[in-house]
Amino acid sequence: MGVHNGHDKDSLYAMRGEYSKIKTGEVFPGQLGGVIAPIASDGKTVYVPVVNHSMTVLNGGEITEESGMTGEVVAIDIATGKIKWNRELEAGAYGATLVVNDLVFATTADGVIHALKKETGGEVWQSALPSGTNAGVMVSGDMLLVGAGLPTAEGQTSELVAYKIGR
């Protein structure tokens, strides 16, 4: 899942001291990329939050993390391992996904909460949070709660945001 560009064995090469096998240039996923948050499941499908962020490996092993970042949520059939759908997002999906009834919720680092149809990945709702986030979503009764505690721009504030779930 996510963007890969032929560097998947670089960590193994580094552990073995085989540095000459590590190519320089942009590497996907980077240190802050890949699947780094918990996944959700409805028992038949897993819903995986992905961060597509690269790093650049320079000569001598120096690493920079200056690239842009996108994200995705990938739905994988548990029985077959096949991808059912893939929803691309504008920013990295650092928060855990959550399945509630027929929806999958995901948050992104730029401070957006997304509600996706669990069968197709189609977006049915989104809302801008007062700050960036790396937190997942939780449900208590008829309330949807999400922490927005990663201010990344001037004027953003850290808050716990609650939405009333309609019927």
N, C-alpha and C. Protein backbone atom coordinates (compact mmCIF):
# COMPACT_ATOMS: atom_id res chain seq x y z
N MET A 1 0.83 -1.18 0.00
CA MET A 1 0.00 0.00 0.00
C MET A 1 0.86 1.23 0.00
N GLY A 2 0.30 2.28 -0.50
CA GLY A 2 1.04 3.53 -0.53
C GLY A 2 2.08 3.54 -1.64
N VAL A 3 2.79 4.63 -1.74
CA VAL A 3 3.80 4.81 -2.78
C VAL A 3 5.10 4.13 -2.36
N HIS A 4 5.64 3.31 -3.23
CA HIS A 4 6.94 2.67 -3.05
C HIS A 4 7.72 2.86 -4.35
N ASN A 5 9.03 3.04 -4.27
CA ASN A 5 9.79 3.23 -5.50
C ASN A 5 11.09 2.42 -5.52
N GLY A 6 11.03 1.18 -5.06
CA GLY A 6 12.17 0.30 -5.21
C GLY A 6 13.20 0.34 -4.10
N HIS A 7 12.88 0.97 -2.98
CA HIS A 7 13.82 1.06 -1.87
C HIS A 7 13.38 0.22 -0.67
N ASP A 8 12.51 -0.73 -0.87
CA ASP A 8 11.94 -1.48 0.24
C ASP A 8 12.97 -2.28 1.03
N LYS A 9 14.10 -2.61 0.43
CA LYS A 9 15.12 -3.40 1.14
C LYS A 9 16.23 -2.54 1.74
N ASP A 10 16.14 -1.21 1.63
CA ASP A 10 17.21 -0.34 2.12
C ASP A 10 17.49 -0.53 3.61
N SER A 11 16.44 -0.70 4.41
CA SER A 11 16.67 -0.90 5.85
C SER A 11 17.46 -2.17 6.11
N LEU A 12 17.14 -3.22 5.37
CA LEU A 12 17.87 -4.49 5.50
C LEU A 12 19.33 -4.30 5.11
N TYR A 13 19.56 -3.60 3.99
CA TYR A 13 20.94 -3.34 3.57
C TYR A 13 21.71 -2.56 4.64
N ALA A 14 21.06 -1.57 5.23
CA ALA A 14 21.72 -0.76 6.27
C ALA A 14 22.05 -1.61 7.48
N MET A 15 21.13 -2.48 7.90
CA MET A 15 21.40 -3.34 9.07
C MET A 15 22.55 -4.29 8.80
N ARG A 16 22.71 -4.71 7.56
CA ARG A 16 23.80 -5.63 7.19
C ARG A 16 25.10 -4.91 6.88
N GLY A 17 25.07 -3.57 6.87
CA GLY A 17 26.26 -2.81 6.53
C GLY A 17 26.54 -2.78 5.04
N GLU A 18 25.56 -3.11 4.22
CA GLU A 18 25.73 -3.15 2.76
C GLU A 18 25.30 -1.81 2.16
N TYR A 19 25.97 -0.75 2.58
CA TYR A 19 25.57 0.60 2.21
C TYR A 19 25.71 0.88 0.72
N SER A 20 26.59 0.17 0.05
CA SER A 20 26.77 0.41 -1.39
C SER A 20 25.52 0.00 -2.19
N LYS A 21 24.67 -0.83 -1.62
CA LYS A 21 23.44 -1.25 -2.30
C LYS A 21 22.31 -0.25 -2.16
N ILE A 22 22.49 0.72 -1.27
CA ILE A 22 21.44 1.72 -1.05
C ILE A 22 21.63 2.84 -2.07
N LYS A 23 20.58 3.05 -2.88
CA LYS A 23 20.62 4.09 -3.90
C LYS A 23 20.36 5.44 -3.24
N THR A 24 20.96 6.48 -3.80
CA THR A 24 20.66 7.83 -3.33
C THR A 24 19.46 8.36 -4.11
N GLY A 25 18.86 9.42 -3.60
CA GLY A 25 17.70 10.03 -4.26
C GLY A 25 16.47 9.93 -3.39
N GLU A 26 15.32 10.22 -3.98
CA GLU A 26 14.07 10.22 -3.24
C GLU A 26 13.61 8.79 -2.96
N VAL A 27 13.21 8.55 -1.71
CA VAL A 27 12.82 7.22 -1.25
C VAL A 27 11.39 7.27 -0.73
N PHE A 28 10.55 6.40 -1.27
CA PHE A 28 9.18 6.22 -0.77
C PHE A 28 9.04 4.81 -0.25
N PRO A 29 8.46 4.58 0.93
CA PRO A 29 8.06 5.61 1.88
C PRO A 29 9.27 6.09 2.67
N GLY A 30 9.17 7.32 3.16
CA GLY A 30 10.23 7.89 3.99
C GLY A 30 10.05 7.47 5.44
N GLN A 31 10.83 8.06 6.32
CA GLN A 31 10.75 7.72 7.73
C GLN A 31 9.39 8.04 8.32
N LEU A 32 8.71 9.04 7.78
CA LEU A 32 7.38 9.41 8.26
C LEU A 32 6.30 8.96 7.28
N GLY A 33 6.59 7.95 6.49
CA GLY A 33 5.63 7.48 5.50
C GLY A 33 5.29 6.03 5.67
N GLY A 34 4.26 5.61 4.95
CA GLY A 34 3.80 4.22 4.99
C GLY A 34 2.59 4.08 5.88
N VAL A 35 2.43 2.90 6.46
CA VAL A 35 1.32 2.63 7.38
C VAL A 35 1.88 2.80 8.79
N ILE A 36 1.48 3.88 9.46
CA ILE A 36 2.03 4.16 10.78
C ILE A 36 0.96 4.36 11.84
N ALA A 37 -0.30 4.22 11.45
CA ALA A 37 -1.41 4.37 12.41
C ALA A 37 -2.22 3.07 12.42
N PRO A 38 -2.94 2.81 13.50
CA PRO A 38 -3.75 1.60 13.58
C PRO A 38 -4.83 1.55 12.50
N ILE A 39 -5.12 0.32 12.08
CA ILE A 39 -6.15 0.09 11.07
C ILE A 39 -7.46 -0.27 11.76
N ALA A 40 -8.56 -0.19 10.99
CA ALA A 40 -9.88 -0.59 11.50
C ALA A 40 -10.38 -1.77 10.68
N SER A 41 -11.33 -2.51 11.24
CA SER A 41 -11.91 -3.65 10.53
C SER A 41 -13.38 -3.79 10.89
N ASP A 42 -14.15 -4.27 9.93
CA ASP A 42 -15.54 -4.63 10.19
C ASP A 42 -15.71 -6.15 10.21
N GLY A 43 -14.61 -6.89 10.25
CA GLY A 43 -14.62 -8.34 10.26
C GLY A 43 -14.45 -8.96 8.89
N LYS A 44 -14.73 -8.20 7.83
CA LYS A 44 -14.58 -8.69 6.46
C LYS A 44 -13.53 -7.91 5.68
N THR A 45 -13.35 -6.66 6.09
CA THR A 45 -12.44 -5.75 5.39
C THR A 45 -11.62 -5.00 6.41
N VAL A 46 -10.34 -4.72 6.07
CA VAL A 46 -9.53 -3.83 6.88
C VAL A 46 -9.41 -2.50 6.13
N TYR A 47 -9.42 -1.41 6.90
CA TYR A 47 -9.35 -0.06 6.35
C TYR A 47 -8.06 0.56 6.87
N VAL A 48 -7.13 0.79 5.96
CA VAL A 48 -5.76 1.14 6.32
C VAL A 48 -5.45 2.61 6.00
N PRO A 49 -5.07 3.41 7.01
CA PRO A 49 -4.63 4.78 6.74
C PRO A 49 -3.17 4.78 6.29
N VAL A 50 -2.88 5.53 5.24
CA VAL A 50 -1.54 5.53 4.64
C VAL A 50 -1.02 6.97 4.54
N VAL A 51 0.28 7.11 4.78
CA VAL A 51 0.96 8.39 4.61
C VAL A 51 1.97 8.23 3.47
N ASN A 52 1.81 9.01 2.41
CA ASN A 52 2.76 8.99 1.29
C ASN A 52 3.70 10.19 1.46
N HIS A 53 4.82 9.92 2.10
CA HIS A 53 5.82 10.95 2.37
C HIS A 53 7.18 10.34 2.09
N SER A 54 8.02 11.08 1.40
CA SER A 54 9.33 10.54 1.04
C SER A 54 10.43 11.17 1.87
N MET A 55 11.61 10.64 1.70
CA MET A 55 12.82 11.25 2.22
C MET A 55 13.83 11.22 1.09
N THR A 56 14.84 12.04 1.18
CA THR A 56 15.89 12.04 0.18
C THR A 56 17.17 11.57 0.84
N VAL A 57 17.79 10.56 0.25
CA VAL A 57 19.06 10.03 0.74
C VAL A 57 20.17 10.64 -0.10
N LEU A 58 21.06 11.35 0.56
CA LEU A 58 22.18 11.99 -0.11
C LEU A 58 23.42 11.14 0.04
N ASN A 59 24.47 11.45 -0.67
CA ASN A 59 25.72 10.71 -0.53
C ASN A 59 26.19 10.75 0.91
N GLY A 60 26.72 9.67 1.39
CA GLY A 60 27.21 9.59 2.75
C GLY A 60 26.13 9.23 3.74
N GLY A 61 24.92 8.94 3.26
CA GLY A 61 23.86 8.51 4.15
C GLY A 61 23.06 9.63 4.79
N GLU A 62 23.34 10.88 4.44
CA GLU A 62 22.55 11.99 5.00
C GLU A 62 21.13 11.91 4.46
N ILE A 63 20.16 12.20 5.35
CA ILE A 63 18.75 12.08 4.99
C ILE A 63 18.05 13.41 5.21
N THR A 64 17.19 13.80 4.27
CA THR A 64 16.34 14.98 4.44
C THR A 64 14.88 14.56 4.30
N GLU A 65 14.00 15.28 4.95
CA GLU A 65 12.55 15.00 4.90
C GLU A 65 11.83 16.26 4.44
N GLU A 66 12.07 16.69 3.22
CA GLU A 66 11.54 17.97 2.77
C GLU A 66 10.45 17.85 1.72
N SER A 67 9.98 16.67 1.40
CA SER A 67 9.02 16.52 0.32
C SER A 67 7.60 16.80 0.78
N GLY A 68 6.71 16.92 -0.18
CA GLY A 68 5.30 17.06 0.11
C GLY A 68 4.74 15.74 0.63
N MET A 69 3.48 15.78 1.05
CA MET A 69 2.88 14.59 1.64
C MET A 69 1.43 14.48 1.20
N THR A 70 1.02 13.28 0.84
CA THR A 70 -0.38 12.98 0.58
C THR A 70 -0.75 11.77 1.42
N GLY A 71 -1.97 11.33 1.29
CA GLY A 71 -2.39 10.16 2.04
C GLY A 71 -3.43 9.37 1.27
N GLU A 72 -3.85 8.29 1.87
CA GLU A 72 -4.90 7.47 1.29
C GLU A 72 -5.49 6.56 2.37
N VAL A 73 -6.68 6.08 2.10
CA VAL A 73 -7.28 5.01 2.89
C VAL A 73 -7.49 3.86 1.91
N VAL A 74 -7.01 2.69 2.27
CA VAL A 74 -7.10 1.51 1.42
C VAL A 74 -7.95 0.47 2.12
N ALA A 75 -8.94 -0.06 1.39
CA ALA A 75 -9.81 -1.12 1.92
C ALA A 75 -9.35 -2.44 1.32
N ILE A 76 -9.04 -3.42 2.21
CA ILE A 76 -8.52 -4.71 1.77
C ILE A 76 -9.43 -5.82 2.26
N ASP A 77 -9.85 -6.68 1.35
CA ASP A 77 -10.67 -7.84 1.70
C ASP A 77 -9.83 -8.81 2.53
N ILE A 78 -10.30 -9.14 3.72
CA ILE A 78 -9.53 -10.01 4.62
C ILE A 78 -9.38 -11.42 4.05
N ALA A 79 -10.43 -11.94 3.43
CA ALA A 79 -10.40 -13.32 2.93
C ALA A 79 -9.47 -13.50 1.75
N THR A 80 -9.40 -12.51 0.86
CA THR A 80 -8.62 -12.67 -0.37
C THR A 80 -7.33 -11.86 -0.39
N GLY A 81 -7.26 -10.81 0.43
CA GLY A 81 -6.10 -9.93 0.40
C GLY A 81 -6.13 -8.93 -0.74
N LYS A 82 -7.23 -8.90 -1.49
CA LYS A 82 -7.34 -7.99 -2.62
C LYS A 82 -7.83 -6.61 -2.17
N ILE A 83 -7.33 -5.60 -2.86
CA ILE A 83 -7.76 -4.24 -2.58
C ILE A 83 -9.16 -4.04 -3.15
N LYS A 84 -10.09 -3.62 -2.28
CA LYS A 84 -11.47 -3.35 -2.71
C LYS A 84 -11.61 -1.94 -3.26
N TRP A 85 -10.97 -0.99 -2.61
CA TRP A 85 -10.94 0.39 -3.07
C TRP A 85 -9.80 1.14 -2.42
N ASN A 86 -9.48 2.28 -3.02
CA ASN A 86 -8.39 3.13 -2.54
C ASN A 86 -8.84 4.58 -2.69
N ARG A 87 -8.89 5.30 -1.59
CA ARG A 87 -9.31 6.70 -1.61
C ARG A 87 -8.11 7.59 -1.34
N GLU A 88 -7.72 8.40 -2.32
CA GLU A 88 -6.59 9.31 -2.14
C GLU A 88 -7.04 10.53 -1.34
N LEU A 89 -6.15 11.03 -0.49
CA LEU A 89 -6.41 12.18 0.37
C LEU A 89 -5.36 13.26 0.13
N GLU A 90 -5.71 14.51 0.42
CA GLU A 90 -4.81 15.64 0.18
C GLU A 90 -3.59 15.65 1.09
N ALA A 91 -3.70 15.03 2.27
CA ALA A 91 -2.60 15.04 3.24
C ALA A 91 -2.47 13.65 3.87
N GLY A 92 -1.40 13.44 4.60
CA GLY A 92 -1.14 12.15 5.22
C GLY A 92 -2.20 11.76 6.24
N ALA A 93 -2.58 10.50 6.22
CA ALA A 93 -3.58 9.96 7.16
C ALA A 93 -2.84 9.41 8.38
N TYR A 94 -2.48 10.30 9.31
CA TYR A 94 -1.73 9.90 10.49
C TYR A 94 -2.60 9.32 11.60
N GLY A 95 -3.90 9.58 11.57
CA GLY A 95 -4.79 9.07 12.61
C GLY A 95 -5.34 7.70 12.26
N ALA A 96 -5.69 6.93 13.29
CA ALA A 96 -6.30 5.61 13.09
C ALA A 96 -7.64 5.76 12.38
N THR A 97 -7.97 4.79 11.53
CA THR A 97 -9.29 4.76 10.92
C THR A 97 -10.29 4.17 11.91
N LEU A 98 -11.59 4.42 11.66
CA LEU A 98 -12.66 3.92 12.51
C LEU A 98 -13.84 3.56 11.62
N VAL A 99 -14.42 2.37 11.83
CA VAL A 99 -15.61 1.95 11.10
C VAL A 99 -16.80 2.09 12.04
N VAL A 100 -17.83 2.80 11.56
CA VAL A 100 -19.08 2.96 12.31
C VAL A 100 -20.21 2.73 11.31
N ASN A 101 -20.99 1.67 11.54
CA ASN A 101 -22.08 1.31 10.64
C ASN A 101 -21.57 1.19 9.22
N ASP A 102 -22.01 2.04 8.30
CA ASP A 102 -21.59 1.92 6.90
C ASP A 102 -20.56 2.97 6.49
N LEU A 103 -19.89 3.57 7.48
CA LEU A 103 -18.89 4.61 7.20
C LEU A 103 -17.53 4.27 7.77
N VAL A 104 -16.50 4.78 7.11
CA VAL A 104 -15.12 4.72 7.61
C VAL A 104 -14.67 6.16 7.81
N PHE A 105 -14.17 6.46 9.00
CA PHE A 105 -13.68 7.80 9.30
C PHE A 105 -12.16 7.80 9.29
N ALA A 106 -11.60 8.88 8.74
CA ALA A 106 -10.15 9.05 8.72
C ALA A 106 -9.84 10.53 8.90
N THR A 107 -8.72 10.83 9.54
CA THR A 107 -8.28 12.22 9.69
C THR A 107 -6.96 12.40 8.96
N THR A 108 -6.68 13.64 8.58
CA THR A 108 -5.43 13.93 7.89
C THR A 108 -4.66 15.03 8.62
N ALA A 109 -3.37 15.06 8.36
CA ALA A 109 -2.47 15.97 9.06
C ALA A 109 -2.83 17.43 8.84
N ASP A 110 -3.51 17.76 7.76
CA ASP A 110 -3.89 19.14 7.51
C ASP A 110 -5.14 19.56 8.26
N GLY A 111 -5.72 18.65 9.05
CA GLY A 111 -6.85 18.99 9.90
C GLY A 111 -8.20 18.80 9.24
N VAL A 112 -8.36 17.72 8.51
CA VAL A 112 -9.65 17.41 7.89
C VAL A 112 -10.09 16.03 8.35
N ILE A 113 -11.37 15.91 8.69
CA ILE A 113 -11.95 14.61 9.01
C ILE A 113 -12.80 14.20 7.80
N HIS A 114 -12.62 12.95 7.37
CA HIS A 114 -13.30 12.42 6.19
C HIS A 114 -14.21 11.27 6.61
N ALA A 115 -15.43 11.23 6.05
CA ALA A 115 -16.33 10.09 6.21
C ALA A 115 -16.50 9.46 4.84
N LEU A 116 -16.10 8.18 4.74
CA LEU A 116 -16.12 7.45 3.47
C LEU A 116 -17.11 6.29 3.54
N LYS A 117 -17.76 5.99 2.43
CA LYS A 117 -18.64 4.82 2.37
C LYS A 117 -17.76 3.58 2.49
N LYS A 118 -18.09 2.68 3.41
CA LYS A 118 -17.20 1.53 3.64
C LYS A 118 -17.20 0.55 2.48
N GLU A 119 -18.21 0.55 1.64
CA GLU A 119 -18.26 -0.38 0.51
C GLU A 119 -17.54 0.14 -0.73
N THR A 120 -17.48 1.48 -0.90
CA THR A 120 -16.93 2.03 -2.14
C THR A 120 -15.78 3.02 -1.94
N GLY A 121 -15.65 3.60 -0.75
CA GLY A 121 -14.64 4.63 -0.50
C GLY A 121 -15.09 6.01 -0.92
N GLY A 122 -16.30 6.13 -1.43
CA GLY A 122 -16.81 7.44 -1.82
C GLY A 122 -16.97 8.34 -0.60
N GLU A 123 -16.58 9.59 -0.75
CA GLU A 123 -16.67 10.52 0.38
C GLU A 123 -18.09 11.04 0.51
N VAL A 124 -18.65 10.95 1.71
CA VAL A 124 -20.00 11.44 1.96
C VAL A 124 -20.01 12.71 2.81
N TRP A 125 -18.89 12.98 3.48
CA TRP A 125 -18.83 14.17 4.35
C TRP A 125 -17.38 14.44 4.69
N GLN A 126 -17.08 15.71 4.89
CA GLN A 126 -15.79 16.09 5.45
C GLN A 126 -15.98 17.39 6.20
N SER A 127 -15.07 17.63 7.14
CA SER A 127 -15.13 18.86 7.92
C SER A 127 -13.72 19.29 8.26
N ALA A 128 -13.50 20.60 8.20
CA ALA A 128 -12.20 21.16 8.57
C ALA A 128 -12.14 21.31 10.09
N LEU A 129 -11.07 20.86 10.67
CA LEU A 129 -10.84 20.98 12.11
C LEU A 129 -10.10 22.29 12.38
N PRO A 130 -10.08 22.76 13.64
CA PRO A 130 -9.40 24.02 13.95
C PRO A 130 -7.88 23.93 13.93
N SER A 131 -7.36 22.72 13.69
CA SER A 131 -5.92 22.50 13.71
C SER A 131 -5.63 21.21 12.96
N GLY A 132 -4.37 21.02 12.61
CA GLY A 132 -3.97 19.74 12.06
C GLY A 132 -4.15 18.66 13.12
N THR A 133 -4.09 17.39 12.68
CA THR A 133 -4.28 16.30 13.64
C THR A 133 -3.51 15.05 13.22
N ASN A 134 -3.11 14.31 14.21
CA ASN A 134 -2.57 12.97 13.99
C ASN A 134 -3.34 11.98 14.85
N ALA A 135 -4.55 12.39 15.26
CA ALA A 135 -5.40 11.56 16.12
C ALA A 135 -6.49 10.90 15.30
N GLY A 136 -6.92 9.74 15.75
CA GLY A 136 -8.05 9.07 15.14
C GLY A 136 -9.35 9.64 15.68
N VAL A 137 -10.43 9.03 15.27
CA VAL A 137 -11.78 9.45 15.63
C VAL A 137 -12.33 8.43 16.61
N MET A 138 -13.22 8.87 17.51
CA MET A 138 -13.91 7.92 18.38
C MET A 138 -15.38 8.29 18.45
N VAL A 139 -16.19 7.30 18.80
CA VAL A 139 -17.63 7.49 18.92
C VAL A 139 -18.04 7.12 20.32
N SER A 140 -18.89 7.97 20.91
CA SER A 140 -19.48 7.69 22.22
C SER A 140 -20.96 8.06 22.12
N GLY A 141 -21.81 7.05 22.19
CA GLY A 141 -23.24 7.29 22.03
C GLY A 141 -23.52 7.85 20.66
N ASP A 142 -24.12 9.05 20.61
CA ASP A 142 -24.41 9.68 19.33
C ASP A 142 -23.45 10.83 19.03
N MET A 143 -22.25 10.77 19.64
CA MET A 143 -21.25 11.82 19.42
C MET A 143 -20.00 11.24 18.75
N LEU A 144 -19.50 11.97 17.77
CA LEU A 144 -18.25 11.66 17.09
C LEU A 144 -17.23 12.65 17.63
N LEU A 145 -16.11 12.16 18.16
CA LEU A 145 -15.10 13.01 18.79
C LEU A 145 -13.77 12.88 18.07
N VAL A 146 -13.08 14.01 17.91
CA VAL A 146 -11.75 13.98 17.29
C VAL A 146 -10.90 15.08 17.91
N GLY A 147 -9.66 14.73 18.19
CA GLY A 147 -8.71 15.69 18.72
C GLY A 147 -7.99 16.40 17.58
N ALA A 148 -7.95 17.71 17.66
CA ALA A 148 -7.22 18.53 16.70
C ALA A 148 -6.12 19.24 17.48
N GLY A 149 -5.01 18.58 17.66
CA GLY A 149 -3.98 19.11 18.53
C GLY A 149 -2.63 19.27 17.88
N LEU A 150 -2.60 19.51 16.57
CA LEU A 150 -1.34 19.63 15.86
C LEU A 150 -1.33 20.92 15.03
N PRO A 151 -1.29 22.07 15.71
CA PRO A 151 -1.30 23.33 14.96
C PRO A 151 -0.10 23.42 14.02
N THR A 152 -0.38 23.67 12.75
CA THR A 152 0.69 23.75 11.75
C THR A 152 0.72 25.10 11.05
N ALA A 153 -0.26 25.97 11.34
CA ALA A 153 -0.30 27.27 10.70
C ALA A 153 -0.73 28.32 11.73
N GLU A 154 -0.39 29.56 11.46
CA GLU A 154 -0.74 30.64 12.36
C GLU A 154 -2.26 30.72 12.52
N GLY A 155 -2.70 30.91 13.75
CA GLY A 155 -4.11 31.04 14.04
C GLY A 155 -4.82 29.73 14.35
N GLN A 156 -4.17 28.60 14.12
CA GLN A 156 -4.80 27.32 14.45
C GLN A 156 -4.75 27.10 15.96
N THR A 157 -5.78 26.44 16.48
CA THR A 157 -5.85 26.17 17.92
C THR A 157 -6.10 24.70 18.16
N SER A 158 -5.55 24.20 19.25
CA SER A 158 -5.78 22.81 19.64
C SER A 158 -7.12 22.70 20.34
N GLU A 159 -7.94 21.77 19.87
CA GLU A 159 -9.27 21.59 20.46
C GLU A 159 -9.70 20.14 20.33
N LEU A 160 -10.61 19.73 21.21
CA LEU A 160 -11.33 18.48 21.06
C LEU A 160 -12.67 18.84 20.43
N VAL A 161 -12.96 18.27 19.28
CA VAL A 161 -14.15 18.64 18.52
C VAL A 161 -15.16 17.51 18.59
N ALA A 162 -16.43 17.86 18.81
CA ALA A 162 -17.51 16.87 18.88
C ALA A 162 -18.56 17.18 17.83
N TYR A 163 -19.02 16.13 17.15
CA TYR A 163 -20.09 16.22 16.18
C TYR A 163 -21.21 15.31 16.62
N LYS A 164 -22.45 15.76 16.49
CA LYS A 164 -23.61 14.91 16.80
C LYS A 164 -23.89 14.07 15.56
N ILE A 165 -24.00 12.76 15.76
CA ILE A 165 -24.26 11.85 14.65
C ILE A 165 -25.76 11.85 14.39
N GLY A 166 -26.12 12.16 13.15
CA GLY A 166 -27.54 12.19 12.75
C GLY A 166 -28.01 10.82 12.32
N ARG A 167 -29.30 10.73 12.18
CA ARG A 167 -29.91 9.46 11.70
C ARG A 167 -30.69 9.70 10.46
